[in-house]
C-alpha atoms as a PDB file:
ATOM      1  CA  MET A   1       0.015   0.023  -0.030  1.00  0.00           C
ATOM      2  CA  SER A   2       1.402   3.449  -0.916  1.00  0.00           C
ATOM      3  CA  GLU A   3       1.649   6.169   1.594  1.00  0.00           C
ATOM      4  CA  ILE A   4      -1.216   8.638   1.336  1.00  0.00           C
ATOM      5  CA  LYS A   5      -0.321  12.300   1.407  1.00  0.00           C
ATOM      6  CA  ILE A   6      -3.147  14.532   2.625  1.00  0.00           C
ATOM      7  CA  SER A   7      -1.747  17.345   0.435  1.00  0.00           C
ATOM      8  CA  GLU A   8      -2.735  15.437  -2.600  1.00  0.00           C
ATOM      9  CA  HIS A   9      -6.355  16.000  -1.563  1.00  0.00           C
ATOM     10  CA  PRO A  10      -6.811  19.717  -1.142  1.00  0.00           C
ATOM     11  CA  SER A  11     -10.476  19.407   0.197  1.00  0.00           C
ATOM     12  CA  HIS A  12      -9.013  17.083   2.989  1.00  0.00           C
ATOM     13  CA  GLU A  13      -6.312  19.615   3.773  1.00  0.00           C
ATOM     14  CA  GLN A  14      -9.007  22.374   4.062  1.00  0.00           C
ATOM     15  CA  LEU A  15     -11.126  20.122   6.270  1.00  0.00           C
ATOM     16  CA  LEU A  16      -8.285  19.421   8.690  1.00  0.00           C
ATOM     17  CA  ALA A  17      -7.499  23.092   8.869  1.00  0.00           C
ATOM     18  CA  GLN A  18     -11.164  23.764   9.835  1.00  0.00           C
ATOM     19  CA  LEU A  19     -11.023  20.990  12.349  1.00  0.00           C
ATOM     20  CA  ARG A  20      -7.850  22.533  13.966  1.00  0.00           C
ATOM     21  CA  ALA A  21      -9.604  25.855  14.133  1.00  0.00           C
ATOM     22  CA  LEU A  22     -12.677  24.358  15.778  1.00  0.00           C
ATOM     23  CA  LEU A  23     -10.561  22.422  18.480  1.00  0.00           C
ATOM     24  CA  GLN A  24      -9.614  25.280  20.753  1.00  0.00           C
ATOM     25  CA  PRO A  25      -7.710  24.691  23.973  1.00  0.00           C
ATOM     26  CA  GLY A  26      -9.951  25.036  27.050  1.00  0.00           C
ATOM     27  CA  GLU A  27     -13.102  23.670  25.375  1.00  0.00           C
ATOM     28  CA  SER A  28     -14.571  20.487  26.633  1.00  0.00           C
ATOM     29  CA  LEU A  29     -14.239  17.270  24.886  1.00  0.00           C
ATOM     30  CA  LEU A  30     -17.953  17.118  24.492  1.00  0.00           C
ATOM     31  CA  THR A  31     -17.832  20.372  22.571  1.00  0.00           C
ATOM     32  CA  HIS A  32     -14.944  19.007  20.326  1.00  0.00           C
ATOM     33  CA  MET A  33     -16.787  15.820  19.547  1.00  0.00           C
ATOM     34  CA  ALA A  34     -19.997  17.734  18.701  1.00  0.00           C
ATOM     35  CA  ASN A  35     -18.213  20.170  16.370  1.00  0.00           C
ATOM     36  CA  MET A  36     -16.033  17.505  14.779  1.00  0.00           C
ATOM     37  CA  SER A  37     -19.017  15.184  14.059  1.00  0.00           C
ATOM     38  CA  SER A  38     -20.985  18.130  12.521  1.00  0.00           C
ATOM     39  CA  LEU A  39     -18.107  19.454  10.507  1.00  0.00           C
ATOM     40  CA  LEU A  40     -17.269  15.933   9.045  1.00  0.00           C
ATOM     41  CA  TYR A  41     -20.986  15.178   8.451  1.00  0.00           C
ATOM     42  CA  TRP A  42     -21.706  18.214   6.498  1.00  0.00           C
ATOM     43  CA  SER A  43     -18.286  18.270   4.699  1.00  0.00           C
ATOM     44  CA  LEU A  44     -17.770  14.716   3.493  1.00  0.00           C
ATOM     45  CA  PRO A  45     -19.950  13.689   0.492  1.00  0.00           C
ATOM     46  CA  ASP A  46     -22.140  10.608   0.582  1.00  0.00           C
ATOM     47  CA  VAL A  47     -22.149   9.918   4.436  1.00  0.00           C
ATOM     48  CA  ASN A  48     -25.178   9.197   6.406  1.00  0.00           C
ATOM     49  CA  TRP A  49     -23.763   9.008   9.945  1.00  0.00           C
ATOM     50  CA  VAL A  50     -20.702  10.599  11.672  1.00  0.00           C
ATOM     51  CA  GLY A  51     -20.207  10.387  15.471  1.00  0.00           C
ATOM     52  CA  PHE A  52     -18.454   9.016  18.426  1.00  0.00           C
ATOM     53  CA  TYR A  53     -18.889   6.100  20.867  1.00  0.00           C
ATOM     54  CA  LEU A  54     -17.238   6.601  24.184  1.00  0.00           C
ATOM     55  CA  ARG A  55     -15.782   3.602  26.223  1.00  0.00           C
ATOM     56  CA  ASP A  56     -16.792   2.648  29.749  1.00  0.00           C
ATOM     57  CA  GLY A  57     -15.266  -0.579  30.651  1.00  0.00           C
ATOM     58  CA  GLU A  58     -16.356  -3.097  28.163  1.00  0.00           C
ATOM     59  CA  THR A  59     -19.057  -0.986  26.632  1.00  0.00           C
ATOM     60  CA  LEU A  60     -19.258   1.740  24.013  1.00  0.00           C
ATOM     61  CA  HIS A  61     -21.861   4.381  24.806  1.00  0.00           C
ATOM     62  CA  LEU A  62     -23.369   6.614  22.087  1.00  0.00           C
ATOM     63  CA  GLY A  63     -21.702  10.189  22.122  1.00  0.00           C
ATOM     64  CA  PRO A  64     -22.128  13.259  19.934  1.00  0.00           C
ATOM     65  CA  PHE A  65     -23.191  12.453  16.411  1.00  0.00           C
ATOM     66  CA  GLN A  66     -24.907  13.580  13.270  1.00  0.00           C
ATOM     67  CA  GLY A  67     -27.401  11.407  11.406  1.00  0.00           C
ATOM     68  CA  LYS A  68     -30.360   9.221  12.264  1.00  0.00           C
ATOM     69  CA  PRO A  69     -30.701   7.893  15.839  1.00  0.00           C
ATOM     70  CA  ALA A  70     -28.205   5.231  16.504  1.00  0.00           C
ATOM     71  CA  CYS A  71     -27.510   2.173  18.796  1.00  0.00           C
ATOM     72  CA  THR A  72     -26.854   3.444  22.236  1.00  0.00           C
ATOM     73  CA  LEU A  73     -24.674   0.657  23.553  1.00  0.00           C
ATOM     74  CA  ILE A  74     -22.179  -1.591  21.731  1.00  0.00           C
ATOM     75  CA  PRO A  75     -20.114  -4.112  23.659  1.00  0.00           C
ATOM     76  CA  VAL A  76     -16.286  -3.882  23.002  1.00  0.00           C
ATOM     77  CA  GLY A  77     -15.473  -6.581  20.526  1.00  0.00           C
ATOM     78  CA  ASN A  78     -18.837  -6.619  18.814  1.00  0.00           C
ATOM     79  CA  GLY A  79     -19.506  -5.085  15.390  1.00  0.00           C
ATOM     80  CA  VAL A  80     -17.155  -2.727  13.563  1.00  0.00           C
ATOM     81  CA  CYS A  81     -17.057  -0.266  16.371  1.00  0.00           C
ATOM     82  CA  GLY A  82     -16.411  -2.784  19.032  1.00  0.00           C
ATOM     83  CA  THR A  83     -13.841  -4.484  16.962  1.00  0.00           C
ATOM     84  CA  ALA A  84     -11.868  -1.229  16.402  1.00  0.00           C
ATOM     85  CA  ALA A  85     -11.932  -0.625  20.167  1.00  0.00           C
ATOM     86  CA  ARG A  86     -10.859  -4.230  21.052  1.00  0.00           C
ATOM     87  CA  GLU A  87      -8.111  -4.316  18.439  1.00  0.00           C
ATOM     88  CA  GLN A  88      -7.080  -0.589  18.809  1.00  0.00           C
ATOM     89  CA  ARG A  89      -6.895  -0.220  15.084  1.00  0.00           C
ATOM     90  CA  THR A  90      -8.808   1.508  12.378  1.00  0.00           C
ATOM     91  CA  MET A  91     -11.401  -0.541  10.605  1.00  0.00           C
ATOM     92  CA  HIS A  92     -12.148   0.243   6.933  1.00  0.00           C
ATOM     93  CA  VAL A  93     -15.110  -1.905   5.847  1.00  0.00           C
ATOM     94  CA  PRO A  94     -16.125  -1.322   2.206  1.00  0.00           C
ATOM     95  CA  ASP A  95     -19.302  -3.600   2.562  1.00  0.00           C
ATOM     96  CA  VAL A  96     -20.577  -3.774   6.140  1.00  0.00           C
ATOM     97  CA  HIS A  97     -22.882  -6.637   5.181  1.00  0.00           C
ATOM     98  CA  ALA A  98     -19.729  -8.841   4.649  1.00  0.00           C
ATOM     99  CA  PHE A  99     -18.411  -8.068   8.081  1.00  0.00           C
ATOM    100  CA  PRO A 100     -19.082 -10.918  10.513  1.00  0.00           C
ATOM    101  CA  GLY A 101     -21.135  -9.668  13.463  1.00  0.00           C
ATOM    102  CA  HIS A 102     -21.966  -6.307  11.896  1.00  0.00           C
ATOM    103  CA  ILE A 103     -24.438  -4.301  13.973  1.00  0.00           C
ATOM    104  CA  ALA A 104     -26.954  -2.577  11.672  1.00  0.00           C
ATOM    105  CA  CYS A 105     -28.009   0.551  13.468  1.00  0.00           C
ATOM    106  CA  ASP A 106     -29.141   2.081  10.140  1.00  0.00           C
ATOM    107  CA  SER A 107     -30.088  -0.387   7.388  1.00  0.00           C
ATOM    108  CA  ALA A 108     -29.128   2.254   4.800  1.00  0.00           C
ATOM    109  CA  SER A 109     -25.431   2.136   5.828  1.00  0.00           C
ATOM    110  CA  ASN A 110     -23.274   0.023   3.479  1.00  0.00           C
ATOM    111  CA  ALA A 111     -19.686   1.165   4.148  1.00  0.00           C
ATOM    112  CA  GLU A 112     -17.999   2.123   7.393  1.00  0.00           C
ATOM    113  CA  VAL A 113     -14.724   3.548   8.777  1.00  0.00           C
ATOM    114  CA  VAL A 114     -14.151   3.250  12.525  1.00  0.00           C
ATOM    115  CA  VAL A 115     -10.978   4.927  14.078  1.00  0.00           C
ATOM    116  CA  PRO A 116     -10.123   4.398  17.728  1.00  0.00           C
ATOM    117  CA  VAL A 117      -9.399   7.468  19.866  1.00  0.00           C
ATOM    118  CA  ILE A 118      -6.622   6.475  22.140  1.00  0.00           C
ATOM    119  CA  HIS A 119      -5.472   8.426  25.281  1.00  0.00           C
ATOM    120  CA  ALA A 120      -2.646   7.301  27.517  1.00  0.00           C
ATOM    121  CA  GLY A 121      -2.534   3.968  25.761  1.00  0.00           C
ATOM    122  CA  GLU A 122      -6.166   3.121  26.329  1.00  0.00           C
ATOM    123  CA  VAL A 123      -9.057   3.398  23.826  1.00  0.00           C
ATOM    124  CA  TRP A 124     -11.172   6.270  25.049  1.00  0.00           C
ATOM    125  CA  GLY A 125     -13.670   5.880  22.244  1.00  0.00           C
ATOM    126  CA  VAL A 126     -14.202   5.570  18.575  1.00  0.00           C
ATOM    127  CA  LEU A 127     -14.912   7.893  15.633  1.00  0.00           C
ATOM    128  CA  ASP A 128     -17.474   6.189  13.393  1.00  0.00           C
ATOM    129  CA  VAL A 129     -18.457   7.273   9.830  1.00  0.00           C
ATOM    130  CA  ASP A 130     -20.952   5.513   7.689  1.00  0.00           C
ATOM    131  CA  SER A 131     -21.987   5.776   4.079  1.00  0.00           C
ATOM    132  CA  PRO A 132     -25.026   4.377   2.171  1.00  0.00           C
ATOM    133  CA  ILE A 133     -22.626   3.630  -0.769  1.00  0.00           C
ATOM    134  CA  ALA A 134     -20.560   0.386  -0.691  1.00  0.00           C
ATOM    135  CA  GLY A 135     -16.882   1.093  -1.140  1.00  0.00           C
ATOM    136  CA  ARG A 136     -17.439   4.812  -0.618  1.00  0.00           C
ATOM    137  CA  PHE A 137     -14.331   5.399   1.535  1.00  0.00           C
ATOM    138  CA  THR A 138     -10.927   5.716  -0.209  1.00  0.00           C
ATOM    139  CA  GLU A 139      -7.499   5.296   1.628  1.00  0.00           C
ATOM    140  CA  ALA A 140      -7.249   9.079   1.598  1.00  0.00           C
ATOM    141  CA  ASP A 141     -10.522   9.286   3.366  1.00  0.00           C
ATOM    142  CA  VAL A 142      -9.350   6.798   6.014  1.00  0.00           C
ATOM    143  CA  HIS A 143      -6.178   8.779   6.434  1.00  0.00           C
ATOM    144  CA  LEU A 144      -8.165  11.962   6.945  1.00  0.00           C
ATOM    145  CA  LEU A 145     -10.437  10.418   9.671  1.00  0.00           C
ATOM    146  CA  GLU A 146      -7.305   8.997  11.343  1.00  0.00           C
ATOM    147  CA  MET A 147      -5.780  12.417  11.455  1.00  0.00           C
ATOM    148  CA  ALA A 148      -9.071  13.960  12.829  1.00  0.00           C
ATOM    149  CA  ALA A 149      -8.965  11.336  15.567  1.00  0.00           C
ATOM    150  CA  ARG A 150      -5.390  12.199  16.395  1.00  0.00           C
ATOM    151  CA  LEU A 151      -6.398  15.919  16.665  1.00  0.00           C
ATOM    152  CA  LEU A 152      -9.043  14.811  19.224  1.00  0.00           C
ATOM    153  CA  GLU A 153      -6.518  12.673  21.088  1.00  0.00           C
ATOM    154  CA  GLU A 154      -4.277  15.769  21.498  1.00  0.00           C
ATOM    155  CA  HIS A 155      -7.083  17.462  23.228  1.00  0.00           C
ATOM    156  CA  CYS A 156      -7.843  14.543  25.369  1.00  0.00           C
ATOM    157  CA  ALA A 157      -4.474  15.121  26.914  1.00  0.00           C
ATOM    158  CA  SER A 158      -4.927  18.867  27.304  1.00  0.00           C
ATOM    159  CA  ALA A 159      -8.397  18.425  28.937  1.00  0.00           C
ATOM    160  CA  ALA A 160      -6.890  15.729  31.232  1.00  0.00           C
ATOM    161  CA  GLY A 161      -9.414  13.298  29.800  1.00  0.00           C
ATOM    162  CA  ARG A 162     -12.382  15.222  31.245  1.00  0.00           C
ATOM    163  CA  LEU A 163     -15.509  14.969  29.075  1.00  0.00           C
ATOM    164  CA  PHE A 164     -17.208  18.045  30.677  1.00  0.00           C
ATOM    165  CA  MET A 165     -15.369  21.249  31.699  1.00  0.00           C
ATOM    166  CA  LEU A 166     -18.353  23.118  33.183  1.00  0.00           C
ATOM    167  CA  ASP A 167     -16.455  24.524  36.038  1.00  0.00           C
ATOM    168  CA  LYS A 168     -13.804  27.255  35.696  1.00  0.00           C
ATOM    169  CA  ALA A 169     -11.427  25.542  38.083  1.00  0.00           C
END
């Protein structure tokens, strides 16, 4: 597989710049996830769901997202999201119906990319992006989503892993 250079995809470069601008220090992780899911949803063509699942023990809980209502709980190790969390690696699935144990939260979804968000060596959650078009995601798209997750990971560290920052302390 050849190395993907984000600069070869100007729209991806612009999208990363917009994500960097949105992810300001001092904001809560909840704010970052909400803005990131919205920007990705409205910027990427042919996607029908973008969002986060947050890990608590052996369960992924639905976090901020854009799209139709979704599954609220996914066991770690189950489906594409749970597998990405368990294996701590990106899952690029061109045809979700061919993925053993796929969890169909939206029957219109046919392709999926799930990127783990890792903080201090532990999977903190996953970024999940679905498309109604089988084979929709390119390697450049996967690379973009991995870079987006890395941006969020940087803010996990700066927020000391706190989801909410409602106090000013």
